[in-house]
C-alpha cells in the first residue's frame, strides 16, 4: 500500500492525533495505562523483536506493576514448558538453584538470548523476592507455553514416572522409544514421519498423554505438591503430543504448523487457568502471536493453503476469554 499524501495524509494524521496519549518516562509509569491493562484478567504483552533491551525492560516494568499492585499471579512466556518450570520453582523457593542465572541456564535452545539476558535475570530475582514470605496461593509463578521441547519434555515425563510409578515408567519408555532413532533431532523425526520414511509416533504419544491425564484426575487435592508435580508431567506429555504433530506437519506447510503452535499456546494457558484457579495472568510473546491482521506474506499460498486460514494465539484467546466471561455470568 502506498503512503497517504496531501489531503488524505492530513486527514489520517488528524484522526490519529485524537487517539494519541503521550507517555511519561515509560508505560509502567502511566497510571491510566496500567489501570486499563489491569482491568483484564489476561494481559497480553507483545514485543516487535526477540531480544531488544527496550522492549524487554518496559515489559518487565509493566509486569512488576501488574503483579505488585493488581494481583497478577502468573507470568506465561513464549518459552519451553520444562525450562520455564525450572524458573518457576526458583521464584517460588522450591529449587536448589543458587541464583536466577542458574535457574535460567536450562534455556539452551536457540535463541538463548531471549531468556538468558540481564533484564529477564533481574526480573526473575525480583519475582523471587516478591514471593518470599507469601503463602503459595499468593505467589506469582513463571511458566512457558511453547512446544519446541519435544525431547526435553520426553525426559521430564520419564523422570516423573520413574519417581511416581516404576511400572508406568516402563510403559512410558516403551512408547517414547519410537523416537530413539532420531538422536533427539526433532526435525529429522518430522521429515521421516512426514514423508513416510518411518512410521510416526502419533499413537504412542497420545496413549502416554491419556495415561497421565487419568493419573492427574486421581491426584488430590488440587494445589498440593503432588498435584503440581503431576500437572508438570501432564503438560510435558501434552507438549510431546503437540510437538510430535508440529514437527510432522512443518514440512507440509507453514500455515498449518503455525496454527498448531499457537493452538498449543492457548491450550497451555487454558490448562494453567484451570490448575491455578483462574488467576490474573500476564502473557509475553512476539506481536505476531497476538495480533489479528492480515497474515504475513510468507503465509500466502503455501502448498495451496490460503493465508486467511492462519490463526493467531491472540485471536483464539480473545474468543476463549469472551466465552469464559459469558459462561461466568
C-alpha atoms as a PDB file:
ATOM      1  CA  UNK A   1       0.000   0.000   0.000  1.00  0.00           C
ATOM      2  CA  UNK A   2       1.347   3.432  -0.950  1.00  0.00           C
ATOM      3  CA  UNK A   3       1.731   6.015   1.853  1.00  0.00           C
ATOM      4  CA  UNK A   4      -1.004   8.646   2.052  1.00  0.00           C
ATOM      5  CA  UNK A   5      -0.162  12.115   0.747  1.00  0.00           C
ATOM      6  CA  UNK A   6      -1.813  15.530   0.568  1.00  0.00           C
ATOM      7  CA  UNK A   7      -5.332  15.816   1.933  1.00  0.00           C
ATOM      8  CA  UNK A   8      -5.626  12.093   2.703  1.00  0.00           C
ATOM      9  CA  UNK A   9      -2.401  12.179   4.701  1.00  0.00           C
ATOM     10  CA  UNK A  10      -3.501  15.184   6.742  1.00  0.00           C
ATOM     11  CA  UNK A  11      -6.838  13.541   7.485  1.00  0.00           C
ATOM     12  CA  UNK A  12      -5.049  10.409   8.642  1.00  0.00           C
ATOM     13  CA  UNK A  13      -2.748  12.394  10.945  1.00  0.00           C
ATOM     14  CA  UNK A  14      -5.671  14.321  12.392  1.00  0.00           C
ATOM     15  CA  UNK A  15      -7.532  11.104  13.061  1.00  0.00           C
ATOM     16  CA  UNK A  16      -4.516   9.671  14.839  1.00  0.00           C
ATOM     17  CA  UNK A  17      -3.942  12.749  16.999  1.00  0.00           C
ATOM     18  CA  UNK A  18      -7.344  12.331  18.596  1.00  0.00           C
ATOM     19  CA  UNK A  19      -6.260   8.985  19.989  1.00  0.00           C
ATOM     20  CA  UNK A  20      -2.618   9.656  20.890  1.00  0.00           C
ATOM     21  CA  UNK A  21      -1.628   9.886  24.532  1.00  0.00           C
ATOM     22  CA  UNK A  22       1.917  10.963  25.490  1.00  0.00           C
ATOM     23  CA  UNK A  23       3.675   8.552  27.817  1.00  0.00           C
ATOM     24  CA  UNK A  24       5.831   9.648  30.740  1.00  0.00           C
ATOM     25  CA  UNK A  25       9.240   8.023  31.122  1.00  0.00           C
ATOM     26  CA  UNK A  26       7.702   4.622  30.337  1.00  0.00           C
ATOM     27  CA  UNK A  27       4.421   2.774  30.125  1.00  0.00           C
ATOM     28  CA  UNK A  28       4.766   1.389  33.649  1.00  0.00           C
ATOM     29  CA  UNK A  29       4.778   4.974  34.982  1.00  0.00           C
ATOM     30  CA  UNK A  30       1.461   5.790  33.305  1.00  0.00           C
ATOM     31  CA  UNK A  31      -1.189   5.072  35.940  1.00  0.00           C
ATOM     32  CA  UNK A  32      -4.067   5.284  33.451  1.00  0.00           C
ATOM     33  CA  UNK A  33      -2.429   2.798  31.085  1.00  0.00           C
ATOM     34  CA  UNK A  34      -1.607   0.339  33.882  1.00  0.00           C
ATOM     35  CA  UNK A  35      -5.133   0.606  35.274  1.00  0.00           C
ATOM     36  CA  UNK A  36      -6.614  -0.062  31.843  1.00  0.00           C
ATOM     37  CA  UNK A  37      -4.445  -3.155  31.354  1.00  0.00           C
ATOM     38  CA  UNK A  38      -5.201  -4.342  34.880  1.00  0.00           C
ATOM     39  CA  UNK A  39      -8.936  -4.454  34.210  1.00  0.00           C
ATOM     40  CA  UNK A  40      -8.352  -7.586  32.144  1.00  0.00           C
ATOM     41  CA  UNK A  41      -7.665 -10.926  33.795  1.00  0.00           C
ATOM     42  CA  UNK A  42      -5.430 -11.806  30.848  1.00  0.00           C
ATOM     43  CA  UNK A  43      -2.861  -9.168  29.829  1.00  0.00           C
ATOM     44  CA  UNK A  44      -1.134  -9.930  26.513  1.00  0.00           C
ATOM     45  CA  UNK A  45       2.156  -8.004  26.341  1.00  0.00           C
ATOM     46  CA  UNK A  46       3.850  -8.152  22.962  1.00  0.00           C
ATOM     47  CA  UNK A  47       7.190  -7.139  21.514  1.00  0.00           C
ATOM     48  CA  UNK A  48       8.265  -6.242  17.990  1.00  0.00           C
ATOM     49  CA  UNK A  49      11.542  -8.150  18.166  1.00  0.00           C
ATOM     50  CA  UNK A  50      13.144 -11.007  20.059  1.00  0.00           C
ATOM     51  CA  UNK A  51      15.882  -9.606  22.254  1.00  0.00           C
ATOM     52  CA  UNK A  52      15.615  -5.804  22.162  1.00  0.00           C
ATOM     53  CA  UNK A  53      16.542  -4.346  25.548  1.00  0.00           C
ATOM     54  CA  UNK A  54      13.988  -1.518  25.484  1.00  0.00           C
ATOM     55  CA  UNK A  55      11.055  -3.856  24.792  1.00  0.00           C
ATOM     56  CA  UNK A  56      12.182  -6.299  27.452  1.00  0.00           C
ATOM     57  CA  UNK A  57      12.745  -3.643  30.105  1.00  0.00           C
ATOM     58  CA  UNK A  58       9.370  -1.981  29.505  1.00  0.00           C
ATOM     59  CA  UNK A  59       7.564  -5.324  29.531  1.00  0.00           C
ATOM     60  CA  UNK A  60       9.199  -6.328  32.810  1.00  0.00           C
ATOM     61  CA  UNK A  61       8.368  -2.971  34.408  1.00  0.00           C
ATOM     62  CA  UNK A  62       4.707  -3.264  33.368  1.00  0.00           C
ATOM     63  CA  UNK A  63       4.571  -6.835  34.647  1.00  0.00           C
ATOM     64  CA  UNK A  64       6.020  -5.821  38.010  1.00  0.00           C
ATOM     65  CA  UNK A  65       3.265  -3.203  38.394  1.00  0.00           C
ATOM     66  CA  UNK A  66       0.581  -5.726  37.462  1.00  0.00           C
ATOM     67  CA  UNK A  67       1.931  -8.250  39.982  1.00  0.00           C
ATOM     68  CA  UNK A  68       2.653  -5.916  42.878  1.00  0.00           C
ATOM     69  CA  UNK A  69      -0.335  -3.573  42.552  1.00  0.00           C
ATOM     70  CA  UNK A  70      -3.034  -5.548  40.729  1.00  0.00           C
ATOM     71  CA  UNK A  71      -2.772  -9.161  41.854  1.00  0.00           C
ATOM     72  CA  UNK A  72      -1.427 -10.913  38.758  1.00  0.00           C
ATOM     73  CA  UNK A  73      -0.193 -14.333  39.824  1.00  0.00           C
ATOM     74  CA  UNK A  74       1.188 -15.963  36.664  1.00  0.00           C
ATOM     75  CA  UNK A  75       3.700 -14.824  34.047  1.00  0.00           C
ATOM     76  CA  UNK A  76       3.374 -17.046  30.958  1.00  0.00           C
ATOM     77  CA  UNK A  77       6.020 -16.618  28.281  1.00  0.00           C
ATOM     78  CA  UNK A  78       6.850 -17.721  24.737  1.00  0.00           C
ATOM     79  CA  UNK A  79       9.290 -20.314  26.050  1.00  0.00           C
ATOM     80  CA  UNK A  80       9.503 -24.056  26.504  1.00  0.00           C
ATOM     81  CA  UNK A  81       7.496 -25.563  29.347  1.00  0.00           C
ATOM     82  CA  UNK A  82      10.216 -27.578  31.164  1.00  0.00           C
ATOM     83  CA  UNK A  83      12.823 -24.790  31.056  1.00  0.00           C
ATOM     84  CA  UNK A  84      10.357 -22.205  32.367  1.00  0.00           C
ATOM     85  CA  UNK A  85       9.177 -24.606  35.105  1.00  0.00           C
ATOM     86  CA  UNK A  86      12.724 -24.654  36.479  1.00  0.00           C
ATOM     87  CA  UNK A  87      12.496 -20.871  36.781  1.00  0.00           C
ATOM     88  CA  UNK A  88       9.046 -21.225  38.358  1.00  0.00           C
ATOM     89  CA  UNK A  89      10.480 -23.478  41.051  1.00  0.00           C
ATOM     90  CA  UNK A  90      13.250 -20.968  41.703  1.00  0.00           C
ATOM     91  CA  UNK A  91      10.945 -17.952  42.105  1.00  0.00           C
ATOM     92  CA  UNK A  92       8.780 -19.980  44.486  1.00  0.00           C
ATOM     93  CA  UNK A  93      11.759 -21.001  46.619  1.00  0.00           C
ATOM     94  CA  UNK A  94      11.454 -24.695  45.711  1.00  0.00           C
ATOM     95  CA  UNK A  95      14.694 -25.323  43.798  1.00  0.00           C
ATOM     96  CA  UNK A  96      18.378 -25.768  44.601  1.00  0.00           C
ATOM     97  CA  UNK A  97      19.458 -23.163  42.052  1.00  0.00           C
ATOM     98  CA  UNK A  98      21.566 -20.544  43.874  1.00  0.00           C
ATOM     99  CA  UNK A  99      20.504 -17.604  41.714  1.00  0.00           C
ATOM    100  CA  UNK A 100      18.410 -16.529  38.733  1.00  0.00           C
ATOM    101  CA  UNK A 101      21.230 -17.039  36.249  1.00  0.00           C
ATOM    102  CA  UNK A 102      21.449 -20.695  37.277  1.00  0.00           C
ATOM    103  CA  UNK A 103      17.669 -21.112  37.106  1.00  0.00           C
ATOM    104  CA  UNK A 104      17.717 -19.691  33.562  1.00  0.00           C
ATOM    105  CA  UNK A 105      20.599 -21.898  32.432  1.00  0.00           C
ATOM    106  CA  UNK A 106      18.146 -24.564  31.271  1.00  0.00           C
ATOM    107  CA  UNK A 107      17.357 -22.392  28.254  1.00  0.00           C
ATOM    108  CA  UNK A 108      19.878 -23.931  25.871  1.00  0.00           C
ATOM    109  CA  UNK A 109      17.898 -23.948  22.632  1.00  0.00           C
ATOM    110  CA  UNK A 110      18.498 -21.166  20.112  1.00  0.00           C
ATOM    111  CA  UNK A 111      17.950 -18.267  20.594  1.00  0.00           C
ATOM    112  CA  UNK A 112      19.281 -18.368  24.166  1.00  0.00           C
ATOM    113  CA  UNK A 113      19.337 -14.572  24.427  1.00  0.00           C
ATOM    114  CA  UNK A 114      15.536 -14.473  24.577  1.00  0.00           C
ATOM    115  CA  UNK A 115      15.632 -15.571  28.219  1.00  0.00           C
ATOM    116  CA  UNK A 116      19.252 -15.684  29.356  1.00  0.00           C
ATOM    117  CA  UNK A 117      19.746 -11.926  29.434  1.00  0.00           C
ATOM    118  CA  UNK A 118      20.221  -9.389  32.205  1.00  0.00           C
ATOM    119  CA  UNK A 119      16.695  -7.930  32.004  1.00  0.00           C
ATOM    120  CA  UNK A 120      14.988 -11.304  32.487  1.00  0.00           C
ATOM    121  CA  UNK A 121      17.583 -12.324  35.090  1.00  0.00           C
ATOM    122  CA  UNK A 122      16.835  -9.244  37.178  1.00  0.00           C
ATOM    123  CA  UNK A 123      13.089  -9.759  36.763  1.00  0.00           C
ATOM    124  CA  UNK A 124      13.378 -13.362  37.972  1.00  0.00           C
ATOM    125  CA  UNK A 125      15.294 -12.199  41.075  1.00  0.00           C
ATOM    126  CA  UNK A 126      12.624  -9.554  41.696  1.00  0.00           C
ATOM    127  CA  UNK A 127       9.903 -12.189  41.384  1.00  0.00           C
ATOM    128  CA  UNK A 128      11.658 -14.443  43.909  1.00  0.00           C
ATOM    129  CA  UNK A 129      11.944 -11.521  46.326  1.00  0.00           C
ATOM    130  CA  UNK A 130       8.265 -10.676  45.837  1.00  0.00           C
ATOM    131  CA  UNK A 131       7.235 -14.268  46.603  1.00  0.00           C
ATOM    132  CA  UNK A 132       9.417 -14.610  49.688  1.00  0.00           C
ATOM    133  CA  UNK A 133       7.181 -14.961  52.746  1.00  0.00           C
ATOM    134  CA  UNK A 134       3.977 -15.124  50.676  1.00  0.00           C
ATOM    135  CA  UNK A 135       1.660 -18.126  51.036  1.00  0.00           C
ATOM    136  CA  UNK A 136       1.712 -20.319  47.904  1.00  0.00           C
ATOM    137  CA  UNK A 137      -1.686 -19.115  46.681  1.00  0.00           C
ATOM    138  CA  UNK A 138      -0.422 -15.512  46.654  1.00  0.00           C
ATOM    139  CA  UNK A 139       2.886 -16.238  44.939  1.00  0.00           C
ATOM    140  CA  UNK A 140       3.423 -15.353  41.281  1.00  0.00           C
ATOM    141  CA  UNK A 141       4.698 -18.146  39.036  1.00  0.00           C
ATOM    142  CA  UNK A 142       6.663 -18.258  35.786  1.00  0.00           C
ATOM    143  CA  UNK A 143       5.556 -20.637  33.015  1.00  0.00           C
ATOM    144  CA  UNK A 144       6.308 -21.486  29.383  1.00  0.00           C
ATOM    145  CA  UNK A 145       3.758 -22.116  26.652  1.00  0.00           C
ATOM    146  CA  UNK A 146       5.786 -23.086  23.565  1.00  0.00           C
ATOM    147  CA  UNK A 147       6.176 -26.574  22.073  1.00  0.00           C
ATOM    148  CA  UNK A 148       9.744 -26.936  20.819  1.00  0.00           C
ATOM    149  CA  UNK A 149      10.853 -29.071  23.772  1.00  0.00           C
ATOM    150  CA  UNK A 150       9.949 -32.465  22.290  1.00  0.00           C
ATOM    151  CA  UNK A 151      12.865 -34.454  23.708  1.00  0.00           C
ATOM    152  CA  UNK A 152      13.299 -32.374  26.883  1.00  0.00           C
ATOM    153  CA  UNK A 153       9.635 -32.988  27.676  1.00  0.00           C
ATOM    154  CA  UNK A 154      10.038 -36.708  26.981  1.00  0.00           C
ATOM    155  CA  UNK A 155      12.818 -36.820  29.600  1.00  0.00           C
ATOM    156  CA  UNK A 156      10.671 -34.878  32.066  1.00  0.00           C
ATOM    157  CA  UNK A 157       7.789 -37.361  31.706  1.00  0.00           C
ATOM    158  CA  UNK A 158      10.178 -40.271  32.216  1.00  0.00           C
ATOM    159  CA  UNK A 159      11.743 -38.621  35.270  1.00  0.00           C
ATOM    160  CA  UNK A 160       8.314 -38.139  36.820  1.00  0.00           C
ATOM    161  CA  UNK A 161       7.108 -41.676  36.147  1.00  0.00           C
ATOM    162  CA  UNK A 162      10.394 -43.104  37.479  1.00  0.00           C
ATOM    163  CA  UNK A 163       9.664 -41.420  40.816  1.00  0.00           C
ATOM    164  CA  UNK A 164       5.910 -41.897  40.936  1.00  0.00           C
ATOM    165  CA  UNK A 165       5.255 -45.327  39.391  1.00  0.00           C
ATOM    166  CA  UNK A 166       8.044 -47.597  38.067  1.00  0.00           C
ATOM    167  CA  UNK A 167       5.577 -49.737  36.118  1.00  0.00           C
ATOM    168  CA  UNK A 168       4.138 -46.649  34.457  1.00  0.00           C
ATOM    169  CA  UNK A 169       7.715 -45.596  33.681  1.00  0.00           C
ATOM    170  CA  UNK A 170       8.273 -48.851  31.775  1.00  0.00           C
ATOM    171  CA  UNK A 171       5.172 -48.199  29.684  1.00  0.00           C
ATOM    172  CA  UNK A 172       6.269 -44.617  29.016  1.00  0.00           C
ATOM    173  CA  UNK A 173       9.751 -45.737  27.935  1.00  0.00           C
ATOM    174  CA  UNK A 174       8.263 -48.321  25.616  1.00  0.00           C
ATOM    175  CA  UNK A 175       6.059 -45.706  23.957  1.00  0.00           C
ATOM    176  CA  UNK A 176       8.679 -42.982  23.675  1.00  0.00           C
ATOM    177  CA  UNK A 177      11.231 -45.475  22.323  1.00  0.00           C
ATOM    178  CA  UNK A 178       9.581 -44.676  18.998  1.00  0.00           C
ATOM    179  CA  UNK A 179      11.782 -41.536  18.912  1.00  0.00           C
ATOM    180  CA  UNK A 180      15.058 -43.340  19.676  1.00  0.00           C
ATOM    181  CA  UNK A 181      16.189 -43.491  16.041  1.00  0.00           C
ATOM    182  CA  UNK A 182      16.455 -39.724  15.645  1.00  0.00           C
ATOM    183  CA  UNK A 183      19.187 -38.747  18.105  1.00  0.00           C
ATOM    184  CA  UNK A 184      16.995 -36.035  19.673  1.00  0.00           C
ATOM    185  CA  UNK A 185      16.738 -34.297  16.299  1.00  0.00           C
ATOM    186  CA  UNK A 186      13.129 -33.096  16.141  1.00  0.00           C
ATOM    187  CA  UNK A 187      13.288 -32.037  12.525  1.00  0.00           C
ATOM    188  CA  UNK A 188      14.800 -35.353  11.455  1.00  0.00           C
ATOM    189  CA  UNK A 189      11.828 -37.095  13.056  1.00  0.00           C
ATOM    190  CA  UNK A 190       9.385 -34.707  11.379  1.00  0.00           C
ATOM    191  CA  UNK A 191      10.946 -35.222   7.957  1.00  0.00           C
ATOM    192  CA  UNK A 192      10.972 -39.017   8.220  1.00  0.00           C
ATOM    193  CA  UNK A 193       7.406 -39.224   9.534  1.00  0.00           C
ATOM    194  CA  UNK A 194       6.026 -36.623   7.115  1.00  0.00           C
ATOM    195  CA  UNK A 195       7.329 -38.341   4.000  1.00  0.00           C
ATOM    196  CA  UNK A 196       6.636 -41.903   5.121  1.00  0.00           C
ATOM    197  CA  UNK A 197      10.278 -42.870   5.608  1.00  0.00           C
ATOM    198  CA  UNK A 198       9.398 -44.093   9.116  1.00  0.00           C
ATOM    199  CA  UNK A 199       6.163 -44.709  10.955  1.00  0.00           C
ATOM    200  CA  UNK A 200       5.022 -41.758  13.059  1.00  0.00           C
ATOM    201  CA  UNK A 201       4.884 -41.832  16.859  1.00  0.00           C
ATOM    202  CA  UNK A 202       1.410 -40.304  16.959  1.00  0.00           C
ATOM    203  CA  UNK A 203      -0.375 -43.253  18.569  1.00  0.00           C
ATOM    204  CA  UNK A 204       2.301 -43.692  21.232  1.00  0.00           C
ATOM    205  CA  UNK A 205       2.346 -40.079  22.385  1.00  0.00           C
ATOM    206  CA  UNK A 206      -1.454 -39.962  22.526  1.00  0.00           C
ATOM    207  CA  UNK A 207      -1.524 -43.127  24.667  1.00  0.00           C
ATOM    208  CA  UNK A 208       1.013 -41.670  27.076  1.00  0.00           C
ATOM    209  CA  UNK A 209      -0.905 -38.410  27.419  1.00  0.00           C
ATOM    210  CA  UNK A 210      -4.122 -40.295  28.132  1.00  0.00           C
ATOM    211  CA  UNK A 211      -2.453 -42.287  30.898  1.00  0.00           C
ATOM    212  CA  UNK A 212      -1.077 -39.171  32.565  1.00  0.00           C
ATOM    213  CA  UNK A 213      -4.441 -37.434  32.231  1.00  0.00           C
ATOM    214  CA  UNK A 214      -6.042 -40.331  34.100  1.00  0.00           C
ATOM    215  CA  UNK A 215      -3.404 -40.062  36.800  1.00  0.00           C
ATOM    216  CA  UNK A 216      -3.968 -36.316  37.109  1.00  0.00           C
ATOM    217  CA  UNK A 217      -7.639 -36.932  37.925  1.00  0.00           C
ATOM    218  CA  UNK A 218      -6.592 -39.265  40.743  1.00  0.00           C
ATOM    219  CA  UNK A 219      -4.141 -36.819  42.378  1.00  0.00           C
ATOM    220  CA  UNK A 220      -5.961 -34.801  45.035  1.00  0.00           C
ATOM    221  CA  UNK A 221      -6.241 -32.242  46.424  1.00  0.00           C
ATOM    222  CA  UNK A 222      -5.585 -29.631  43.768  1.00  0.00           C
ATOM    223  CA  UNK A 223      -2.839 -27.244  44.823  1.00  0.00           C
ATOM    224  CA  UNK A 224      -0.831 -29.911  46.652  1.00  0.00           C
ATOM    225  CA  UNK A 225       2.796 -30.607  45.770  1.00  0.00           C
ATOM    226  CA  UNK A 226       1.754 -33.937  44.221  1.00  0.00           C
ATOM    227  CA  UNK A 227      -0.838 -32.151  42.099  1.00  0.00           C
ATOM    228  CA  UNK A 228       1.803 -29.665  40.901  1.00  0.00           C
ATOM    229  CA  UNK A 229       4.208 -32.485  40.034  1.00  0.00           C
ATOM    230  CA  UNK A 230       1.667 -34.441  38.032  1.00  0.00           C
ATOM    231  CA  UNK A 231       0.477 -31.242  36.329  1.00  0.00           C
ATOM    232  CA  UNK A 232       4.058 -30.548  35.254  1.00  0.00           C
ATOM    233  CA  UNK A 233       4.347 -34.084  33.869  1.00  0.00           C
ATOM    234  CA  UNK A 234       0.906 -33.906  32.258  1.00  0.00           C
ATOM    235  CA  UNK A 235       1.785 -30.683  30.443  1.00  0.00           C
ATOM    236  CA  UNK A 236       5.059 -32.187  29.286  1.00  0.00           C
ATOM    237  CA  UNK A 237       3.130 -35.138  27.847  1.00  0.00           C
ATOM    238  CA  UNK A 238       0.774 -32.675  26.141  1.00  0.00           C
ATOM    239  CA  UNK A 239       3.802 -30.830  24.747  1.00  0.00           C
ATOM    240  CA  UNK A 240       5.220 -34.100  23.388  1.00  0.00           C
ATOM    241  CA  UNK A 241       1.886 -34.865  21.720  1.00  0.00           C
ATOM    242  CA  UNK A 242       1.594 -31.420  20.124  1.00  0.00           C
ATOM    243  CA  UNK A 243       5.281 -31.174  19.234  1.00  0.00           C
ATOM    244  CA  UNK A 244       5.132 -34.552  17.511  1.00  0.00           C
ATOM    245  CA  UNK A 245       2.310 -33.256  15.318  1.00  0.00           C
ATOM    246  CA  UNK A 246       4.024 -29.904  14.807  1.00  0.00           C
ATOM    247  CA  UNK A 247       7.284 -31.399  13.520  1.00  0.00           C
ATOM    248  CA  UNK A 248       5.396 -33.927  11.408  1.00  0.00           C
ATOM    249  CA  UNK A 249       3.378 -31.084   9.860  1.00  0.00           C
ATOM    250  CA  UNK A 250       6.075 -28.457   9.370  1.00  0.00           C
ATOM    251  CA  UNK A 251       7.229 -29.982   6.076  1.00  0.00           C
ATOM    252  CA  UNK A 252       3.715 -29.750   4.631  1.00  0.00           C
ATOM    253  CA  UNK A 253       3.147 -26.019   5.078  1.00  0.00           C
ATOM    254  CA  UNK A 254       3.975 -23.132   7.369  1.00  0.00           C
ATOM    255  CA  UNK A 255       0.371 -22.073   7.912  1.00  0.00           C
ATOM    256  CA  UNK A 256      -0.729 -25.413   9.383  1.00  0.00           C
ATOM    257  CA  UNK A 257       2.342 -25.714  11.607  1.00  0.00           C
ATOM    258  CA  UNK A 258       1.909 -22.093  12.767  1.00  0.00           C
ATOM    259  CA  UNK A 259      -1.688 -22.817  13.740  1.00  0.00           C
ATOM    260  CA  UNK A 260      -0.623 -25.908  15.699  1.00  0.00           C
ATOM    261  CA  UNK A 261       1.938 -23.891  17.636  1.00  0.00           C
ATOM    262  CA  UNK A 262      -0.474 -21.096  18.522  1.00  0.00           C
ATOM    263  CA  UNK A 263      -3.167 -23.648  19.420  1.00  0.00           C
ATOM    264  CA  UNK A 264      -0.707 -25.222  21.845  1.00  0.00           C
ATOM    265  CA  UNK A 265      -0.087 -21.837  23.461  1.00  0.00           C
ATOM    266  CA  UNK A 266      -3.800 -21.380  24.045  1.00  0.00           C
ATOM    267  CA  UNK A 267      -4.207 -24.937  25.376  1.00  0.00           C
ATOM    268  CA  UNK A 268      -1.377 -24.299  27.849  1.00  0.00           C
ATOM    269  CA  UNK A 269      -2.981 -21.074  29.062  1.00  0.00           C
ATOM    270  CA  UNK A 270      -6.312 -22.836  29.494  1.00  0.00           C
ATOM    271  CA  UNK A 271      -4.638 -25.627  31.476  1.00  0.00           C
ATOM    272  CA  UNK A 272      -2.845 -23.114  33.702  1.00  0.00           C
ATOM    273  CA  UNK A 273      -6.050 -21.146  34.187  1.00  0.00           C
ATOM    274  CA  UNK A 274      -7.771 -24.255  35.499  1.00  0.00           C
ATOM    275  CA  UNK A 275      -4.851 -25.559  37.560  1.00  0.00           C
ATOM    276  CA  UNK A 276      -4.118 -22.221  39.246  1.00  0.00           C
ATOM    277  CA  UNK A 277      -7.747 -21.393  39.964  1.00  0.00           C
ATOM    278  CA  UNK A 278      -8.436 -18.699  37.344  1.00  0.00           C
ATOM    279  CA  UNK A 279      -5.735 -16.181  38.320  1.00  0.00           C
ATOM    280  CA  UNK A 280      -4.843 -12.922  36.648  1.00  0.00           C
ATOM    281  CA  UNK A 281      -2.112 -13.710  34.121  1.00  0.00           C
ATOM    282  CA  UNK A 282       0.442 -11.696  32.176  1.00  0.00           C
ATOM    283  CA  UNK A 283       1.458 -13.313  28.887  1.00  0.00           C
ATOM    284  CA  UNK A 284       4.640 -12.436  26.962  1.00  0.00           C
ATOM    285  CA  UNK A 285       5.085 -13.211  23.274  1.00  0.00           C
ATOM    286  CA  UNK A 286       6.054 -11.671  19.947  1.00  0.00           C
ATOM    287  CA  UNK A 287       3.426  -9.420  18.372  1.00  0.00           C
ATOM    288  CA  UNK A 288       2.930 -11.955  15.571  1.00  0.00           C
ATOM    289  CA  UNK A 289       1.230 -14.239  18.090  1.00  0.00           C
ATOM    290  CA  UNK A 290      -1.108 -11.568  19.472  1.00  0.00           C
ATOM    291  CA  UNK A 291      -2.231  -9.502  16.506  1.00  0.00           C
ATOM    292  CA  UNK A 292      -5.090 -10.413  14.194  1.00  0.00           C
ATOM    293  CA  UNK A 293      -4.133  -8.556  10.998  1.00  0.00           C
ATOM    294  CA  UNK A 294      -3.807  -9.992   7.512  1.00  0.00           C
ATOM    295  CA  UNK A 295      -1.310 -12.860   7.609  1.00  0.00           C
ATOM    296  CA  UNK A 296       2.296 -12.129   6.608  1.00  0.00           C
ATOM    297  CA  UNK A 297       3.467 -12.614   3.024  1.00  0.00           C
ATOM    298  CA  UNK A 298       5.179 -15.917   3.759  1.00  0.00           C
ATOM    299  CA  UNK A 299       1.842 -17.452   4.734  1.00  0.00           C
ATOM    300  CA  UNK A 300       0.186 -16.762   1.403  1.00  0.00           C
ATOM    301  CA  UNK A 301      -0.486 -19.755  -0.806  1.00  0.00           C
ATOM    302  CA  UNK A 302       1.938 -22.195   0.854  1.00  0.00           C
ATOM    303  CA  UNK A 303       1.187 -25.639  -0.516  1.00  0.00           C
ATOM    304  CA  UNK A 304      -2.127 -24.326  -1.797  1.00  0.00           C
ATOM    305  CA  UNK A 305      -3.219 -23.191   1.667  1.00  0.00           C
ATOM    306  CA  UNK A 306      -4.973 -19.842   1.900  1.00  0.00           C
ATOM    307  CA  UNK A 307      -3.247 -17.287   4.096  1.00  0.00           C
ATOM    308  CA  UNK A 308      -6.605 -16.466   5.647  1.00  0.00           C
ATOM    309  CA  UNK A 309      -6.508 -19.834   7.408  1.00  0.00           C
ATOM    310  CA  UNK A 310      -3.710 -18.600   9.683  1.00  0.00           C
ATOM    311  CA  UNK A 311      -4.979 -18.074  13.237  1.00  0.00           C
ATOM    312  CA  UNK A 312      -3.006 -16.351  15.995  1.00  0.00           C
ATOM    313  CA  UNK A 313      -2.963 -17.224  19.674  1.00  0.00           C
ATOM    314  CA  UNK A 314      -4.274 -13.737  20.418  1.00  0.00           C
ATOM    315  CA  UNK A 315      -7.335 -14.217  18.250  1.00  0.00           C
ATOM    316  CA  UNK A 316      -8.032 -17.619  19.774  1.00  0.00           C
ATOM    317  CA  UNK A 317      -7.609 -16.264  23.309  1.00  0.00           C
ATOM    318  CA  UNK A 318      -9.944 -13.372  22.687  1.00  0.00           C
ATOM    319  CA  UNK A 319     -12.634 -15.822  21.555  1.00  0.00           C
ATOM    320  CA  UNK A 320     -11.938 -18.104  24.515  1.00  0.00           C
ATOM    321  CA  UNK A 321     -11.959 -15.262  27.058  1.00  0.00           C
ATOM    322  CA  UNK A 322     -15.192 -13.818  25.689  1.00  0.00           C
ATOM    323  CA  UNK A 323     -16.739 -17.275  26.010  1.00  0.00           C
ATOM    324  CA  UNK A 324     -15.393 -17.641  29.545  1.00  0.00           C
ATOM    325  CA  UNK A 325     -16.874 -14.297  30.589  1.00  0.00           C
ATOM    326  CA  UNK A 326     -20.229 -15.202  29.078  1.00  0.00           C
ATOM    327  CA  UNK A 327     -20.240 -18.516  30.928  1.00  0.00           C
ATOM    328  CA  UNK A 328     -19.264 -16.814  34.204  1.00  0.00           C
ATOM    329  CA  UNK A 329     -22.307 -14.565  34.041  1.00  0.00           C
END
